[in-house]
């Protein structure tokens, strides 16, 4: 199946829409992180990592804002609000689970991979549109998401062991 490259107007429209979507996803990430930070008394290593990634997420939002401004575009307040609310709801869904830390870790890994896919798509759209100046900013965000996903998956065994040990000792282990 042969494909044709989009014309410049279509390439720009797709790229800007993708940036607005990514902006909303990063706001969703902030909401997810903020809700989890309230529930990590037994897991300071997770708290520390989430705080660091929260700072990265704020920088990712700034990078997207910078790219959007170069196209005289702004983020979608509606997407930002909607995804932020859905992030809050997703995090709250695990609050009452006895294995909240595990469920959040699994969800975090999935979410980080969603963001990795999003930035990979944006880089492809930037390539199609010839937006080489924006690629470095997107690669920086992609790299941060890849590092966070790697940290989460590498730490699931230790978190699971810690959770199981706390439960076995009769302590509150969920958070």
C-alpha atoms as a PDB file:
ATOM      1  CA  UNK A   1       0.000   0.000   0.000  1.00  0.00           C
ATOM      2  CA  UNK A   2       1.531   3.265  -1.095  1.00  0.00           C
ATOM      3  CA  UNK A   3       1.120   6.341   1.034  1.00  0.00           C
ATOM      4  CA  UNK A   4       1.557   9.951   0.110  1.00  0.00           C
ATOM      5  CA  UNK A   5       3.082  12.556   2.330  1.00  0.00           C
ATOM      6  CA  UNK A   6       0.607  15.144   3.587  1.00  0.00           C
ATOM      7  CA  UNK A   7       0.792  18.645   2.189  1.00  0.00           C
ATOM      8  CA  UNK A   8       2.159  21.310   4.517  1.00  0.00           C
ATOM      9  CA  UNK A   9      -1.261  22.498   5.696  1.00  0.00           C
ATOM     10  CA  UNK A  10      -2.339  18.973   6.654  1.00  0.00           C
ATOM     11  CA  UNK A  11       1.031  18.217   8.264  1.00  0.00           C
ATOM     12  CA  UNK A  12       0.794  21.369  10.388  1.00  0.00           C
ATOM     13  CA  UNK A  13      -2.811  20.694  11.366  1.00  0.00           C
ATOM     14  CA  UNK A  14      -1.984  17.140  12.462  1.00  0.00           C
ATOM     15  CA  UNK A  15       1.127  18.264  14.338  1.00  0.00           C
ATOM     16  CA  UNK A  16      -0.622  21.084  16.196  1.00  0.00           C
ATOM     17  CA  UNK A  17      -3.553  18.831  17.088  1.00  0.00           C
ATOM     18  CA  UNK A  18      -1.105  16.214  18.363  1.00  0.00           C
ATOM     19  CA  UNK A  19       0.651  18.849  20.463  1.00  0.00           C
ATOM     20  CA  UNK A  20      -2.648  19.966  21.990  1.00  0.00           C
ATOM     21  CA  UNK A  21      -3.494  16.342  22.772  1.00  0.00           C
ATOM     22  CA  UNK A  22      -0.087  15.789  24.371  1.00  0.00           C
ATOM     23  CA  UNK A  23      -0.544  18.967  26.415  1.00  0.00           C
ATOM     24  CA  UNK A  24      -3.789  17.558  27.783  1.00  0.00           C
ATOM     25  CA  UNK A  25      -2.161  14.195  28.493  1.00  0.00           C
ATOM     26  CA  UNK A  26       0.594  15.926  30.478  1.00  0.00           C
ATOM     27  CA  UNK A  27      -2.072  17.680  32.562  1.00  0.00           C
ATOM     28  CA  UNK A  28      -3.628  14.269  33.136  1.00  0.00           C
ATOM     29  CA  UNK A  29      -0.209  13.042  34.284  1.00  0.00           C
ATOM     30  CA  UNK A  30       0.042  15.903  36.803  1.00  0.00           C
ATOM     31  CA  UNK A  31      -3.342  14.981  38.254  1.00  0.00           C
ATOM     32  CA  UNK A  32      -2.368  11.308  38.515  1.00  0.00           C
ATOM     33  CA  UNK A  33       0.909  12.161  40.211  1.00  0.00           C
ATOM     34  CA  UNK A  34      -0.640  14.656  42.628  1.00  0.00           C
ATOM     35  CA  UNK A  35      -3.274  12.166  43.831  1.00  0.00           C
ATOM     36  CA  UNK A  36      -0.647   9.484  44.346  1.00  0.00           C
ATOM     37  CA  UNK A  37       1.708  11.749  46.283  1.00  0.00           C
ATOM     38  CA  UNK A  38      -0.950  12.043  48.975  1.00  0.00           C
ATOM     39  CA  UNK A  39      -0.773   8.272  49.602  1.00  0.00           C
ATOM     40  CA  UNK A  40       2.848   7.187  49.791  1.00  0.00           C
ATOM     41  CA  UNK A  41       3.752   7.178  53.471  1.00  0.00           C
ATOM     42  CA  UNK A  42       5.248   3.679  53.253  1.00  0.00           C
ATOM     43  CA  UNK A  43       6.914   4.191  49.889  1.00  0.00           C
ATOM     44  CA  UNK A  44       9.280   7.201  50.040  1.00  0.00           C
ATOM     45  CA  UNK A  45      11.240   5.911  47.045  1.00  0.00           C
ATOM     46  CA  UNK A  46       8.096   6.142  44.905  1.00  0.00           C
ATOM     47  CA  UNK A  47       7.298   9.568  46.301  1.00  0.00           C
ATOM     48  CA  UNK A  48      10.770  10.827  45.442  1.00  0.00           C
ATOM     49  CA  UNK A  49      10.559   9.478  41.893  1.00  0.00           C
ATOM     50  CA  UNK A  50       7.073  10.874  41.337  1.00  0.00           C
ATOM     51  CA  UNK A  51       8.142  14.305  42.605  1.00  0.00           C
ATOM     52  CA  UNK A  52      11.070  14.309  40.201  1.00  0.00           C
ATOM     53  CA  UNK A  53       8.837  13.207  37.327  1.00  0.00           C
ATOM     54  CA  UNK A  54       6.259  15.831  38.258  1.00  0.00           C
ATOM     55  CA  UNK A  55       8.935  18.487  37.694  1.00  0.00           C
ATOM     56  CA  UNK A  56       9.784  16.866  34.361  1.00  0.00           C
ATOM     57  CA  UNK A  57       6.092  16.863  33.440  1.00  0.00           C
ATOM     58  CA  UNK A  58       5.866  20.591  34.121  1.00  0.00           C
ATOM     59  CA  UNK A  59       8.875  21.091  31.833  1.00  0.00           C
ATOM     60  CA  UNK A  60       7.226  18.925  29.176  1.00  0.00           C
ATOM     61  CA  UNK A  61       4.166  21.168  29.308  1.00  0.00           C
ATOM     62  CA  UNK A  62       6.427  24.208  28.911  1.00  0.00           C
ATOM     63  CA  UNK A  63       8.135  22.618  25.904  1.00  0.00           C
ATOM     64  CA  UNK A  64       4.791  21.912  24.260  1.00  0.00           C
ATOM     65  CA  UNK A  65       3.693  25.493  24.987  1.00  0.00           C
ATOM     66  CA  UNK A  66       6.881  26.744  23.342  1.00  0.00           C
ATOM     67  CA  UNK A  67       6.303  24.653  20.233  1.00  0.00           C
ATOM     68  CA  UNK A  68       2.634  25.642  20.026  1.00  0.00           C
ATOM     69  CA  UNK A  69       3.475  29.336  20.297  1.00  0.00           C
ATOM     70  CA  UNK A  70       5.721  28.961  17.242  1.00  0.00           C
ATOM     71  CA  UNK A  71       2.590  28.030  15.296  1.00  0.00           C
ATOM     72  CA  UNK A  72       0.518  30.837  16.884  1.00  0.00           C
ATOM     73  CA  UNK A  73      -1.504  28.112  18.593  1.00  0.00           C
ATOM     74  CA  UNK A  74      -2.529  27.586  22.178  1.00  0.00           C
ATOM     75  CA  UNK A  75      -3.385  24.469  24.125  1.00  0.00           C
ATOM     76  CA  UNK A  76      -6.996  23.405  24.380  1.00  0.00           C
ATOM     77  CA  UNK A  77      -8.302  24.431  27.802  1.00  0.00           C
ATOM     78  CA  UNK A  78     -11.135  21.944  27.361  1.00  0.00           C
ATOM     79  CA  UNK A  79      -8.759  19.031  26.666  1.00  0.00           C
ATOM     80  CA  UNK A  80      -6.508  20.063  29.552  1.00  0.00           C
ATOM     81  CA  UNK A  81      -9.440  20.252  31.967  1.00  0.00           C
ATOM     82  CA  UNK A  82     -11.090  17.058  30.741  1.00  0.00           C
ATOM     83  CA  UNK A  83      -7.911  15.000  30.905  1.00  0.00           C
ATOM     84  CA  UNK A  84      -6.958  16.491  34.262  1.00  0.00           C
ATOM     85  CA  UNK A  85     -10.337  15.453  35.645  1.00  0.00           C
ATOM     86  CA  UNK A  86      -9.992  11.971  34.190  1.00  0.00           C
ATOM     87  CA  UNK A  87      -6.532  11.721  35.774  1.00  0.00           C
ATOM     88  CA  UNK A  88      -8.009  12.588  39.147  1.00  0.00           C
ATOM     89  CA  UNK A  89     -10.776  10.028  38.710  1.00  0.00           C
ATOM     90  CA  UNK A  90      -8.336   7.317  37.621  1.00  0.00           C
ATOM     91  CA  UNK A  91      -6.126   7.903  40.660  1.00  0.00           C
ATOM     92  CA  UNK A  92      -9.123   7.967  42.998  1.00  0.00           C
ATOM     93  CA  UNK A  93     -10.292   4.623  41.631  1.00  0.00           C
ATOM     94  CA  UNK A  94      -7.379   2.905  43.388  1.00  0.00           C
ATOM     95  CA  UNK A  95      -7.545   4.765  46.701  1.00  0.00           C
ATOM     96  CA  UNK A  96      -9.773   2.240  48.419  1.00  0.00           C
ATOM     97  CA  UNK A  97      -7.991  -0.840  47.080  1.00  0.00           C
ATOM     98  CA  UNK A  98      -5.881  -2.684  49.643  1.00  0.00           C
ATOM     99  CA  UNK A  99      -3.160  -2.967  46.987  1.00  0.00           C
ATOM    100  CA  UNK A 100      -3.317   0.680  45.902  1.00  0.00           C
ATOM    101  CA  UNK A 101       0.463   0.953  45.505  1.00  0.00           C
ATOM    102  CA  UNK A 102       0.546  -1.987  43.110  1.00  0.00           C
ATOM    103  CA  UNK A 103      -2.444  -0.858  41.063  1.00  0.00           C
ATOM    104  CA  UNK A 104      -0.974   2.645  40.782  1.00  0.00           C
ATOM    105  CA  UNK A 105       2.387   1.229  39.736  1.00  0.00           C
ATOM    106  CA  UNK A 106       0.803  -0.878  36.998  1.00  0.00           C
ATOM    107  CA  UNK A 107      -1.262   2.103  35.840  1.00  0.00           C
ATOM    108  CA  UNK A 108       1.808   4.351  35.895  1.00  0.00           C
ATOM    109  CA  UNK A 109       3.710   1.940  33.681  1.00  0.00           C
ATOM    110  CA  UNK A 110       0.832   1.827  31.201  1.00  0.00           C
ATOM    111  CA  UNK A 111       0.464   5.608  31.258  1.00  0.00           C
ATOM    112  CA  UNK A 112       4.188   6.199  30.715  1.00  0.00           C
ATOM    113  CA  UNK A 113       4.059   3.920  27.692  1.00  0.00           C
ATOM    114  CA  UNK A 114       1.049   5.850  26.374  1.00  0.00           C
ATOM    115  CA  UNK A 115       3.095   9.037  26.663  1.00  0.00           C
ATOM    116  CA  UNK A 116       6.053   7.352  24.933  1.00  0.00           C
ATOM    117  CA  UNK A 117       3.760   6.411  22.047  1.00  0.00           C
ATOM    118  CA  UNK A 118       2.380   9.962  21.955  1.00  0.00           C
ATOM    119  CA  UNK A 119       5.821  11.561  21.707  1.00  0.00           C
ATOM    120  CA  UNK A 120       6.893   8.980  19.116  1.00  0.00           C
ATOM    121  CA  UNK A 121       3.887   9.946  17.011  1.00  0.00           C
ATOM    122  CA  UNK A 122       4.635  13.645  17.465  1.00  0.00           C
ATOM    123  CA  UNK A 123       8.219  13.101  16.338  1.00  0.00           C
ATOM    124  CA  UNK A 124       6.921  11.331  13.238  1.00  0.00           C
ATOM    125  CA  UNK A 125       4.551  14.203  12.496  1.00  0.00           C
ATOM    126  CA  UNK A 126       7.384  16.691  13.043  1.00  0.00           C
ATOM    127  CA  UNK A 127       9.456  14.728  10.549  1.00  0.00           C
ATOM    128  CA  UNK A 128       6.616  14.669   8.001  1.00  0.00           C
ATOM    129  CA  UNK A 129       6.124  18.421   8.360  1.00  0.00           C
ATOM    130  CA  UNK A 130       9.827  19.222   8.309  1.00  0.00           C
ATOM    131  CA  UNK A 131       9.672  20.705  11.808  1.00  0.00           C
ATOM    132  CA  UNK A 132      13.270  19.857  12.693  1.00  0.00           C
ATOM    133  CA  UNK A 133      13.644  22.692  15.221  1.00  0.00           C
ATOM    134  CA  UNK A 134      10.899  21.192  17.411  1.00  0.00           C
ATOM    135  CA  UNK A 135      12.242  17.645  17.399  1.00  0.00           C
ATOM    136  CA  UNK A 136      14.924  18.233  20.045  1.00  0.00           C
ATOM    137  CA  UNK A 137      12.303  19.412  22.556  1.00  0.00           C
ATOM    138  CA  UNK A 138      10.101  16.409  21.799  1.00  0.00           C
ATOM    139  CA  UNK A 139      13.033  13.993  22.065  1.00  0.00           C
ATOM    140  CA  UNK A 140      13.882  15.416  25.486  1.00  0.00           C
ATOM    141  CA  UNK A 141      10.335  14.746  26.688  1.00  0.00           C
ATOM    142  CA  UNK A 142      10.354  11.289  25.104  1.00  0.00           C
ATOM    143  CA  UNK A 143      13.589  10.454  26.891  1.00  0.00           C
ATOM    144  CA  UNK A 144      12.129  11.513  30.252  1.00  0.00           C
ATOM    145  CA  UNK A 145       9.059   9.334  29.704  1.00  0.00           C
ATOM    146  CA  UNK A 146      11.245   6.380  28.734  1.00  0.00           C
ATOM    147  CA  UNK A 147      13.343   6.813  31.892  1.00  0.00           C
ATOM    148  CA  UNK A 148      10.234   6.959  34.071  1.00  0.00           C
ATOM    149  CA  UNK A 149       8.708   3.871  32.435  1.00  0.00           C
ATOM    150  CA  UNK A 150      11.988   1.998  32.957  1.00  0.00           C
ATOM    151  CA  UNK A 151      12.100   3.055  36.618  1.00  0.00           C
ATOM    152  CA  UNK A 152       8.521   1.906  37.219  1.00  0.00           C
ATOM    153  CA  UNK A 153       8.939  -1.530  35.651  1.00  0.00           C
ATOM    154  CA  UNK A 154      12.326  -2.074  37.313  1.00  0.00           C
ATOM    155  CA  UNK A 155      10.854  -1.243  40.724  1.00  0.00           C
ATOM    156  CA  UNK A 156       7.638  -3.280  40.571  1.00  0.00           C
ATOM    157  CA  UNK A 157       9.317  -6.406  42.034  1.00  0.00           C
ATOM    158  CA  UNK A 158      10.713  -4.461  45.023  1.00  0.00           C
ATOM    159  CA  UNK A 159       7.410  -2.642  45.590  1.00  0.00           C
ATOM    160  CA  UNK A 160       5.519  -5.914  45.419  1.00  0.00           C
ATOM    161  CA  UNK A 161       7.853  -7.511  47.967  1.00  0.00           C
ATOM    162  CA  UNK A 162       7.590  -4.495  50.267  1.00  0.00           C
ATOM    163  CA  UNK A 163       3.796  -4.467  49.957  1.00  0.00           C
ATOM    164  CA  UNK A 164       3.597  -8.207  50.706  1.00  0.00           C
ATOM    165  CA  UNK A 165       5.922  -7.817  53.694  1.00  0.00           C
ATOM    166  CA  UNK A 166       3.864  -4.987  55.172  1.00  0.00           C
ATOM    167  CA  UNK A 167       0.653  -6.975  54.678  1.00  0.00           C
ATOM    168  CA  UNK A 168       2.210 -10.032  56.295  1.00  0.00           C
ATOM    169  CA  UNK A 169       3.221  -7.889  59.281  1.00  0.00           C
ATOM    170  CA  UNK A 170      -0.358  -6.669  59.617  1.00  0.00           C
ATOM    171  CA  UNK A 171       0.563  -3.094  58.725  1.00  0.00           C
ATOM    172  CA  UNK A 172      -1.190  -0.749  56.349  1.00  0.00           C
ATOM    173  CA  UNK A 173       0.452  -1.639  53.080  1.00  0.00           C
ATOM    174  CA  UNK A 174      -1.709   0.056  50.483  1.00  0.00           C
ATOM    175  CA  UNK A 175       0.087   3.362  50.707  1.00  0.00           C
END
